[in-house]
Amino acid sequence: MKSLIIFFGILLMATASQAQFKFLANNSSNQYKAKIFVDKCAGNACSGKATVIVYDKITDREIDTFHSEDLDFGLTESQNAKLGWLELGKYQTPLIFGDFNFDGFEDFAIRNGNNGAYSSPSYDIYLSSKENKFLKSEELTKLASENLGMFDIDKKTKQIAIHQKEGCCFDKTINYKFDAKNVPYEDSSVIEDSSIADIVTVITQKIVDGKVKRTVQKFKMKDYSNQ
């Protein structure tokens, strides 16, 4: 009976080790690297529950461990997830590194399913601090999970931008800045509405001293497309 228990224990451990596919993300950041363990890989697609361990790239020190309910990403035809410790390309990894709130510290985003608009990618956002720790930002996670994918980052203007869409003819971009407490707030927005014939209506809103300044312009479709 004892030998049977040991046998099933070994079998369970072997099954568990085979259940996760292992990846390296070494080229997405100048400061950090990561090991990625994900439940499912079939063909050129990986998904499911995952664990991400982030390390300091210089000292090799482990920073922290993070989890995703659905780390969804793809592989090239030449990559075989079954080989173990497969290194992902810089723009292939489901992790995005960058200074999202413009405080001089590198933050990162972890892919967490396709919960955005029109089943677009969604991300959990973690902000770094002086103590070299990452804390989840509920505000930025919401922005990166309820719109059309990850927000854009503009280093020059120190703004991030989300994109929204309704049907074929309504697009909206909302720009956010950060206040003194690093909380994002809406600064401006642009709506492009092409639902009426060959006319594009562009509505620009800018918040100045707490008041909304609104500009409405109309363009011919062909003229607007050539801008």
C-alpha atoms as a PDB file:
ATOM      1  CA  MET A   1       0.000   0.000   0.000  1.00  0.00           C
ATOM      2  CA  LYS A   2       2.840   2.360   0.900  1.00  0.00           C
ATOM      3  CA  SER A   3       4.617   1.684  -2.403  1.00  0.00           C
ATOM      4  CA  LEU A   4       1.360   2.356  -4.262  1.00  0.00           C
ATOM      5  CA  ILE A   5       1.000   5.754  -2.563  1.00  0.00           C
ATOM      6  CA  ILE A   6       4.596   6.622  -3.464  1.00  0.00           C
ATOM      7  CA  PHE A   7       3.972   5.583  -7.071  1.00  0.00           C
ATOM      8  CA  PHE A   8       0.902   7.792  -7.397  1.00  0.00           C
ATOM      9  CA  GLY A   9       2.777  10.658  -5.724  1.00  0.00           C
ATOM     10  CA  ILE A  10       5.571  10.433  -8.284  1.00  0.00           C
ATOM     11  CA  LEU A  11       3.015  10.158 -11.094  1.00  0.00           C
ATOM     12  CA  LEU A  12       1.194  13.256  -9.826  1.00  0.00           C
ATOM     13  CA  MET A  13       4.448  15.234  -9.667  1.00  0.00           C
ATOM     14  CA  ALA A  14       5.388  14.173 -13.180  1.00  0.00           C
ATOM     15  CA  THR A  15       1.957  15.152 -14.491  1.00  0.00           C
ATOM     16  CA  ALA A  16       2.171  18.543 -12.798  1.00  0.00           C
ATOM     17  CA  SER A  17       5.608  19.232 -14.250  1.00  0.00           C
ATOM     18  CA  GLN A  18       4.367  18.400 -17.748  1.00  0.00           C
ATOM     19  CA  ALA A  19       1.243  20.527 -17.329  1.00  0.00           C
ATOM     20  CA  GLN A  20       3.120  23.809 -17.469  1.00  0.00           C
ATOM     21  CA  PHE A  21       5.098  25.182 -20.384  1.00  0.00           C
ATOM     22  CA  LYS A  22       8.182  27.255 -19.616  1.00  0.00           C
ATOM     23  CA  PHE A  23       9.363  30.452 -21.285  1.00  0.00           C
ATOM     24  CA  LEU A  24      11.990  33.148 -20.849  1.00  0.00           C
ATOM     25  CA  ALA A  25      11.386  36.860 -21.425  1.00  0.00           C
ATOM     26  CA  ASN A  26      14.873  38.359 -21.465  1.00  0.00           C
ATOM     27  CA  ASN A  27      14.596  41.038 -24.146  1.00  0.00           C
ATOM     28  CA  SER A  28      11.544  43.091 -23.191  1.00  0.00           C
ATOM     29  CA  SER A  29      13.236  45.330 -20.638  1.00  0.00           C
ATOM     30  CA  ASN A  30      16.639  46.864 -19.946  1.00  0.00           C
ATOM     31  CA  GLN A  31      16.157  46.395 -16.217  1.00  0.00           C
ATOM     32  CA  TYR A  32      14.139  43.199 -15.790  1.00  0.00           C
ATOM     33  CA  LYS A  33      13.791  39.680 -17.129  1.00  0.00           C
ATOM     34  CA  ALA A  34      11.183  37.041 -16.392  1.00  0.00           C
ATOM     35  CA  LYS A  35      10.393  33.347 -16.278  1.00  0.00           C
ATOM     36  CA  ILE A  36       6.911  32.425 -17.461  1.00  0.00           C
ATOM     37  CA  PHE A  37       4.986  29.244 -16.645  1.00  0.00           C
ATOM     38  CA  VAL A  38       1.696  28.765 -18.504  1.00  0.00           C
ATOM     39  CA  ASP A  39      -0.808  25.895 -18.399  1.00  0.00           C
ATOM     40  CA  LYS A  40      -1.688  25.351 -22.046  1.00  0.00           C
ATOM     41  CA  CYS A  41       0.119  25.466 -25.382  1.00  0.00           C
ATOM     42  CA  ALA A  42      -1.390  23.915 -28.490  1.00  0.00           C
ATOM     43  CA  GLY A  43      -0.069  24.567 -31.955  1.00  0.00           C
ATOM     44  CA  ASN A  44       1.072  28.193 -32.090  1.00  0.00           C
ATOM     45  CA  ALA A  45      -1.087  29.447 -29.216  1.00  0.00           C
ATOM     46  CA  CYS A  46      -0.573  29.489 -25.447  1.00  0.00           C
ATOM     47  CA  SER A  47      -3.142  30.425 -22.826  1.00  0.00           C
ATOM     48  CA  GLY A  48      -4.587  29.641 -19.411  1.00  0.00           C
ATOM     49  CA  LYS A  49      -3.416  30.203 -15.868  1.00  0.00           C
ATOM     50  CA  ALA A  50       0.156  31.361 -15.575  1.00  0.00           C
ATOM     51  CA  THR A  51       2.862  32.349 -13.139  1.00  0.00           C
ATOM     52  CA  VAL A  52       5.393  35.075 -13.935  1.00  0.00           C
ATOM     53  CA  ILE A  53       8.573  35.505 -11.897  1.00  0.00           C
ATOM     54  CA  VAL A  54      10.380  38.807 -12.446  1.00  0.00           C
ATOM     55  CA  TYR A  55      14.137  39.160 -11.832  1.00  0.00           C
ATOM     56  CA  ASP A  56      16.603  42.021 -11.783  1.00  0.00           C
ATOM     57  CA  LYS A  57      18.543  41.713 -15.025  1.00  0.00           C
ATOM     58  CA  ILE A  58      21.904  42.763 -13.557  1.00  0.00           C
ATOM     59  CA  THR A  59      21.938  41.084 -10.148  1.00  0.00           C
ATOM     60  CA  ASP A  60      19.690  38.124 -11.088  1.00  0.00           C
ATOM     61  CA  ARG A  61      17.760  38.801  -7.865  1.00  0.00           C
ATOM     62  CA  GLU A  62      14.158  37.654  -7.773  1.00  0.00           C
ATOM     63  CA  ILE A  63      11.869  40.691  -7.492  1.00  0.00           C
ATOM     64  CA  ASP A  64       8.385  39.190  -7.174  1.00  0.00           C
ATOM     65  CA  THR A  65       5.935  36.588  -8.454  1.00  0.00           C
ATOM     66  CA  PHE A  66       2.722  37.412 -10.312  1.00  0.00           C
ATOM     67  CA  HIS A  67      -0.235  35.454 -11.645  1.00  0.00           C
ATOM     68  CA  SER A  68      -2.567  35.673 -14.622  1.00  0.00           C
ATOM     69  CA  GLU A  69      -5.822  33.816 -15.113  1.00  0.00           C
ATOM     70  CA  ASP A  70      -5.329  33.760 -18.888  1.00  0.00           C
ATOM     71  CA  LEU A  71      -1.874  34.561 -20.256  1.00  0.00           C
ATOM     72  CA  ASP A  72      -2.772  34.550 -23.934  1.00  0.00           C
ATOM     73  CA  PHE A  73       0.042  34.798 -26.521  1.00  0.00           C
ATOM     74  CA  GLY A  74       1.233  33.217 -29.750  1.00  0.00           C
ATOM     75  CA  LEU A  75       4.311  31.406 -31.034  1.00  0.00           C
ATOM     76  CA  THR A  76       5.989  31.331 -34.413  1.00  0.00           C
ATOM     77  CA  GLU A  77       5.891  28.215 -36.567  1.00  0.00           C
ATOM     78  CA  SER A  78       9.515  27.427 -35.700  1.00  0.00           C
ATOM     79  CA  GLN A  79       8.964  27.565 -31.929  1.00  0.00           C
ATOM     80  CA  ASN A  80       8.148  24.387 -30.033  1.00  0.00           C
ATOM     81  CA  ALA A  81       6.778  24.945 -26.525  1.00  0.00           C
ATOM     82  CA  LYS A  82       7.340  21.296 -25.633  1.00  0.00           C
ATOM     83  CA  LEU A  83      11.109  21.714 -25.690  1.00  0.00           C
ATOM     84  CA  GLY A  84      11.102  23.723 -22.454  1.00  0.00           C
ATOM     85  CA  TRP A  85      12.571  27.133 -21.586  1.00  0.00           C
ATOM     86  CA  LEU A  86      11.726  28.673 -24.897  1.00  0.00           C
ATOM     87  CA  GLU A  87      12.945  32.276 -25.214  1.00  0.00           C
ATOM     88  CA  LEU A  88      10.336  34.711 -26.494  1.00  0.00           C
ATOM     89  CA  GLY A  89      11.086  37.588 -28.839  1.00  0.00           C
ATOM     90  CA  LYS A  90      11.027  41.211 -27.659  1.00  0.00           C
ATOM     91  CA  TYR A  91       7.601  41.950 -29.143  1.00  0.00           C
ATOM     92  CA  GLN A  92       6.221  38.433 -28.695  1.00  0.00           C
ATOM     93  CA  THR A  93       6.128  38.228 -24.927  1.00  0.00           C
ATOM     94  CA  PRO A  94       2.798  38.711 -23.095  1.00  0.00           C
ATOM     95  CA  LEU A  95       4.621  41.142 -20.782  1.00  0.00           C
ATOM     96  CA  ILE A  96       4.962  44.851 -21.572  1.00  0.00           C
ATOM     97  CA  PHE A  97       7.567  46.943 -19.750  1.00  0.00           C
ATOM     98  CA  GLY A  98       7.673  50.742 -19.707  1.00  0.00           C
ATOM     99  CA  ASP A  99       7.295  53.855 -17.574  1.00  0.00           C
ATOM    100  CA  PHE A 100       3.498  54.083 -17.707  1.00  0.00           C
ATOM    101  CA  ASN A 101       3.064  56.935 -15.207  1.00  0.00           C
ATOM    102  CA  PHE A 102       6.216  58.893 -16.108  1.00  0.00           C
ATOM    103  CA  ASP A 103       7.807  58.833 -12.649  1.00  0.00           C
ATOM    104  CA  GLY A 104      11.170  57.525 -13.858  1.00  0.00           C
ATOM    105  CA  PHE A 105      10.607  53.909 -12.788  1.00  0.00           C
ATOM    106  CA  GLU A 106       9.901  51.010 -15.134  1.00  0.00           C
ATOM    107  CA  ASP A 107       6.464  49.422 -14.748  1.00  0.00           C
ATOM    108  CA  PHE A 108       4.977  46.406 -16.452  1.00  0.00           C
ATOM    109  CA  ALA A 109       1.779  44.887 -17.773  1.00  0.00           C
ATOM    110  CA  ILE A 110       0.776  41.214 -17.762  1.00  0.00           C
ATOM    111  CA  ARG A 111      -1.632  39.904 -20.366  1.00  0.00           C
ATOM    112  CA  ASN A 112      -4.803  38.635 -18.740  1.00  0.00           C
ATOM    113  CA  GLY A 113      -7.192  37.323 -21.359  1.00  0.00           C
ATOM    114  CA  ASN A 114      -9.219  39.048 -24.050  1.00  0.00           C
ATOM    115  CA  ASN A 115     -11.669  41.002 -21.933  1.00  0.00           C
ATOM    116  CA  GLY A 116     -11.369  44.323 -23.737  1.00  0.00           C
ATOM    117  CA  ALA A 117     -13.846  45.746 -26.239  1.00  0.00           C
ATOM    118  CA  TYR A 118     -14.515  43.452 -29.194  1.00  0.00           C
ATOM    119  CA  SER A 119     -12.525  40.718 -27.396  1.00  0.00           C
ATOM    120  CA  SER A 120      -9.327  42.756 -27.560  1.00  0.00           C
ATOM    121  CA  PRO A 121      -6.377  41.997 -25.239  1.00  0.00           C
ATOM    122  CA  SER A 122      -6.645  42.952 -21.570  1.00  0.00           C
ATOM    123  CA  TYR A 123      -3.798  43.580 -19.131  1.00  0.00           C
ATOM    124  CA  ASP A 124      -3.118  43.826 -15.417  1.00  0.00           C
ATOM    125  CA  ILE A 125      -0.910  46.846 -14.715  1.00  0.00           C
ATOM    126  CA  TYR A 126       1.772  46.916 -12.015  1.00  0.00           C
ATOM    127  CA  LEU A 127       3.620  50.109 -11.080  1.00  0.00           C
ATOM    128  CA  SER A 128       7.118  50.067  -9.635  1.00  0.00           C
ATOM    129  CA  SER A 129       8.371  52.152  -6.729  1.00  0.00           C
ATOM    130  CA  LYS A 130      11.624  53.391  -5.234  1.00  0.00           C
ATOM    131  CA  GLU A 131      11.709  50.225  -3.135  1.00  0.00           C
ATOM    132  CA  ASN A 132      11.909  48.180  -6.377  1.00  0.00           C
ATOM    133  CA  LYS A 133       8.502  46.650  -5.685  1.00  0.00           C
ATOM    134  CA  PHE A 134       5.519  46.350  -7.999  1.00  0.00           C
ATOM    135  CA  LEU A 135       2.015  47.257  -6.878  1.00  0.00           C
ATOM    136  CA  LYS A 136      -1.097  46.654  -8.915  1.00  0.00           C
ATOM    137  CA  SER A 137      -2.803  49.806 -10.189  1.00  0.00           C
ATOM    138  CA  GLU A 138      -6.562  49.318 -10.255  1.00  0.00           C
ATOM    139  CA  GLU A 139      -7.053  52.545 -12.268  1.00  0.00           C
ATOM    140  CA  LEU A 140      -4.593  51.614 -15.018  1.00  0.00           C
ATOM    141  CA  THR A 141      -5.699  47.972 -15.035  1.00  0.00           C
ATOM    142  CA  LYS A 142      -9.241  49.173 -15.719  1.00  0.00           C
ATOM    143  CA  LEU A 143      -8.057  51.369 -18.587  1.00  0.00           C
ATOM    144  CA  ALA A 144      -6.050  48.472 -20.055  1.00  0.00           C
ATOM    145  CA  SER A 145      -8.886  45.958 -19.663  1.00  0.00           C
ATOM    146  CA  GLU A 146     -12.103  47.696 -20.718  1.00  0.00           C
ATOM    147  CA  ASN A 147     -11.068  49.387 -23.962  1.00  0.00           C
ATOM    148  CA  LEU A 148      -9.372  48.418 -27.229  1.00  0.00           C
ATOM    149  CA  GLY A 149      -6.294  46.735 -25.829  1.00  0.00           C
ATOM    150  CA  MET A 150      -3.332  48.261 -24.022  1.00  0.00           C
ATOM    151  CA  PHE A 151      -3.215  52.033 -23.732  1.00  0.00           C
ATOM    152  CA  ASP A 152      -0.719  54.061 -25.810  1.00  0.00           C
ATOM    153  CA  ILE A 153       2.170  55.803 -24.055  1.00  0.00           C
ATOM    154  CA  ASP A 154       3.407  59.235 -25.167  1.00  0.00           C
ATOM    155  CA  LYS A 155       6.679  60.073 -23.423  1.00  0.00           C
ATOM    156  CA  LYS A 156       6.844  63.545 -24.963  1.00  0.00           C
ATOM    157  CA  THR A 157       3.482  64.766 -23.660  1.00  0.00           C
ATOM    158  CA  LYS A 158       3.513  62.449 -20.620  1.00  0.00           C
ATOM    159  CA  GLN A 159       0.091  61.123 -21.499  1.00  0.00           C
ATOM    160  CA  ILE A 160      -1.481  57.735 -22.011  1.00  0.00           C
ATOM    161  CA  ALA A 161      -4.354  57.220 -24.434  1.00  0.00           C
ATOM    162  CA  ILE A 162      -7.140  54.655 -24.599  1.00  0.00           C
ATOM    163  CA  HIS A 163      -9.194  53.843 -27.690  1.00  0.00           C
ATOM    164  CA  GLN A 164     -12.890  53.051 -27.891  1.00  0.00           C
ATOM    165  CA  LYS A 165     -15.043  51.980 -30.818  1.00  0.00           C
ATOM    166  CA  GLU A 166     -18.743  51.488 -31.558  1.00  0.00           C
ATOM    167  CA  GLY A 167     -19.549  49.715 -34.794  1.00  0.00           C
ATOM    168  CA  CYS A 168     -17.951  50.783 -38.039  1.00  0.00           C
ATOM    169  CA  CYS A 169     -18.202  54.518 -37.741  1.00  0.00           C
ATOM    170  CA  PHE A 170     -17.541  55.780 -34.220  1.00  0.00           C
ATOM    171  CA  ASP A 171     -14.049  56.020 -32.748  1.00  0.00           C
ATOM    172  CA  LYS A 172     -12.982  57.793 -29.585  1.00  0.00           C
ATOM    173  CA  THR A 173      -9.544  58.472 -28.136  1.00  0.00           C
ATOM    174  CA  ILE A 174      -9.259  59.654 -24.524  1.00  0.00           C
ATOM    175  CA  ASN A 175      -5.982  61.104 -23.246  1.00  0.00           C
ATOM    176  CA  TYR A 176      -5.020  60.864 -19.587  1.00  0.00           C
ATOM    177  CA  LYS A 177      -2.434  62.677 -17.494  1.00  0.00           C
ATOM    178  CA  PHE A 178      -1.347  61.998 -13.913  1.00  0.00           C
ATOM    179  CA  ASP A 179      -1.943  64.183 -10.880  1.00  0.00           C
ATOM    180  CA  ALA A 180       0.485  64.755  -7.995  1.00  0.00           C
ATOM    181  CA  LYS A 181      -0.618  61.456  -6.420  1.00  0.00           C
ATOM    182  CA  ASN A 182       0.019  59.506  -9.639  1.00  0.00           C
ATOM    183  CA  VAL A 183      -3.700  59.023 -10.290  1.00  0.00           C
ATOM    184  CA  PRO A 184      -4.744  59.246 -13.958  1.00  0.00           C
ATOM    185  CA  TYR A 185      -7.319  61.856 -14.947  1.00  0.00           C
ATOM    186  CA  GLU A 186      -8.952  62.655 -18.273  1.00  0.00           C
ATOM    187  CA  ASP A 187      -7.256  65.589 -19.997  1.00  0.00           C
ATOM    188  CA  SER A 188      -8.729  65.566 -23.506  1.00  0.00           C
ATOM    189  CA  SER A 189     -10.575  63.433 -26.036  1.00  0.00           C
ATOM    190  CA  VAL A 190     -11.224  63.176 -29.775  1.00  0.00           C
ATOM    191  CA  ILE A 191     -14.323  61.610 -31.340  1.00  0.00           C
ATOM    192  CA  GLU A 192     -14.428  60.658 -35.015  1.00  0.00           C
ATOM    193  CA  ASP A 193     -17.953  59.990 -36.283  1.00  0.00           C
ATOM    194  CA  SER A 194     -18.354  58.904 -39.915  1.00  0.00           C
ATOM    195  CA  SER A 195     -21.904  57.560 -39.669  1.00  0.00           C
ATOM    196  CA  ILE A 196     -23.434  60.217 -41.937  1.00  0.00           C
ATOM    197  CA  ALA A 197     -22.794  59.754 -45.681  1.00  0.00           C
ATOM    198  CA  ASP A 198     -19.352  61.044 -46.750  1.00  0.00           C
ATOM    199  CA  ILE A 199     -18.920  63.347 -43.766  1.00  0.00           C
ATOM    200  CA  VAL A 200     -16.555  62.855 -40.833  1.00  0.00           C
ATOM    201  CA  THR A 201     -17.477  64.804 -37.720  1.00  0.00           C
ATOM    202  CA  VAL A 202     -14.546  65.403 -35.381  1.00  0.00           C
ATOM    203  CA  ILE A 203     -15.350  66.469 -31.829  1.00  0.00           C
ATOM    204  CA  THR A 204     -12.383  67.600 -29.739  1.00  0.00           C
ATOM    205  CA  GLN A 205     -12.691  68.174 -26.008  1.00  0.00           C
ATOM    206  CA  LYS A 206     -10.033  69.701 -23.765  1.00  0.00           C
ATOM    207  CA  ILE A 207     -10.380  70.199 -20.034  1.00  0.00           C
ATOM    208  CA  VAL A 208      -8.916  73.577 -19.007  1.00  0.00           C
ATOM    209  CA  ASP A 209      -9.157  74.810 -15.400  1.00  0.00           C
ATOM    210  CA  GLY A 210     -11.916  72.295 -14.727  1.00  0.00           C
ATOM    211  CA  LYS A 211     -14.007  73.408 -17.703  1.00  0.00           C
ATOM    212  CA  VAL A 212     -14.569  71.540 -20.952  1.00  0.00           C
ATOM    213  CA  LYS A 213     -13.682  73.327 -24.176  1.00  0.00           C
ATOM    214  CA  ARG A 214     -15.424  71.661 -27.113  1.00  0.00           C
ATOM    215  CA  THR A 215     -14.670  72.030 -30.826  1.00  0.00           C
ATOM    216  CA  VAL A 216     -16.742  70.447 -33.612  1.00  0.00           C
ATOM    217  CA  GLN A 217     -15.399  70.171 -37.169  1.00  0.00           C
ATOM    218  CA  LYS A 218     -16.799  68.481 -40.270  1.00  0.00           C
ATOM    219  CA  PHE A 219     -14.712  67.115 -43.144  1.00  0.00           C
ATOM    220  CA  LYS A 220     -15.313  65.355 -46.426  1.00  0.00           C
ATOM    221  CA  MET A 221     -14.319  61.718 -46.044  1.00  0.00           C
ATOM    222  CA  LYS A 222     -11.693  61.820 -48.799  1.00  0.00           C
ATOM    223  CA  ASP A 223     -10.177  65.037 -47.433  1.00  0.00           C
ATOM    224  CA  TYR A 224     -10.000  63.718 -43.883  1.00  0.00           C
ATOM    225  CA  SER A 225      -8.429  60.432 -44.991  1.00  0.00           C
ATOM    226  CA  ASN A 226      -5.641  62.344 -46.767  1.00  0.00           C
ATOM    227  CA  GLN A 227      -4.677  64.345 -43.691  1.00  0.00           C
END
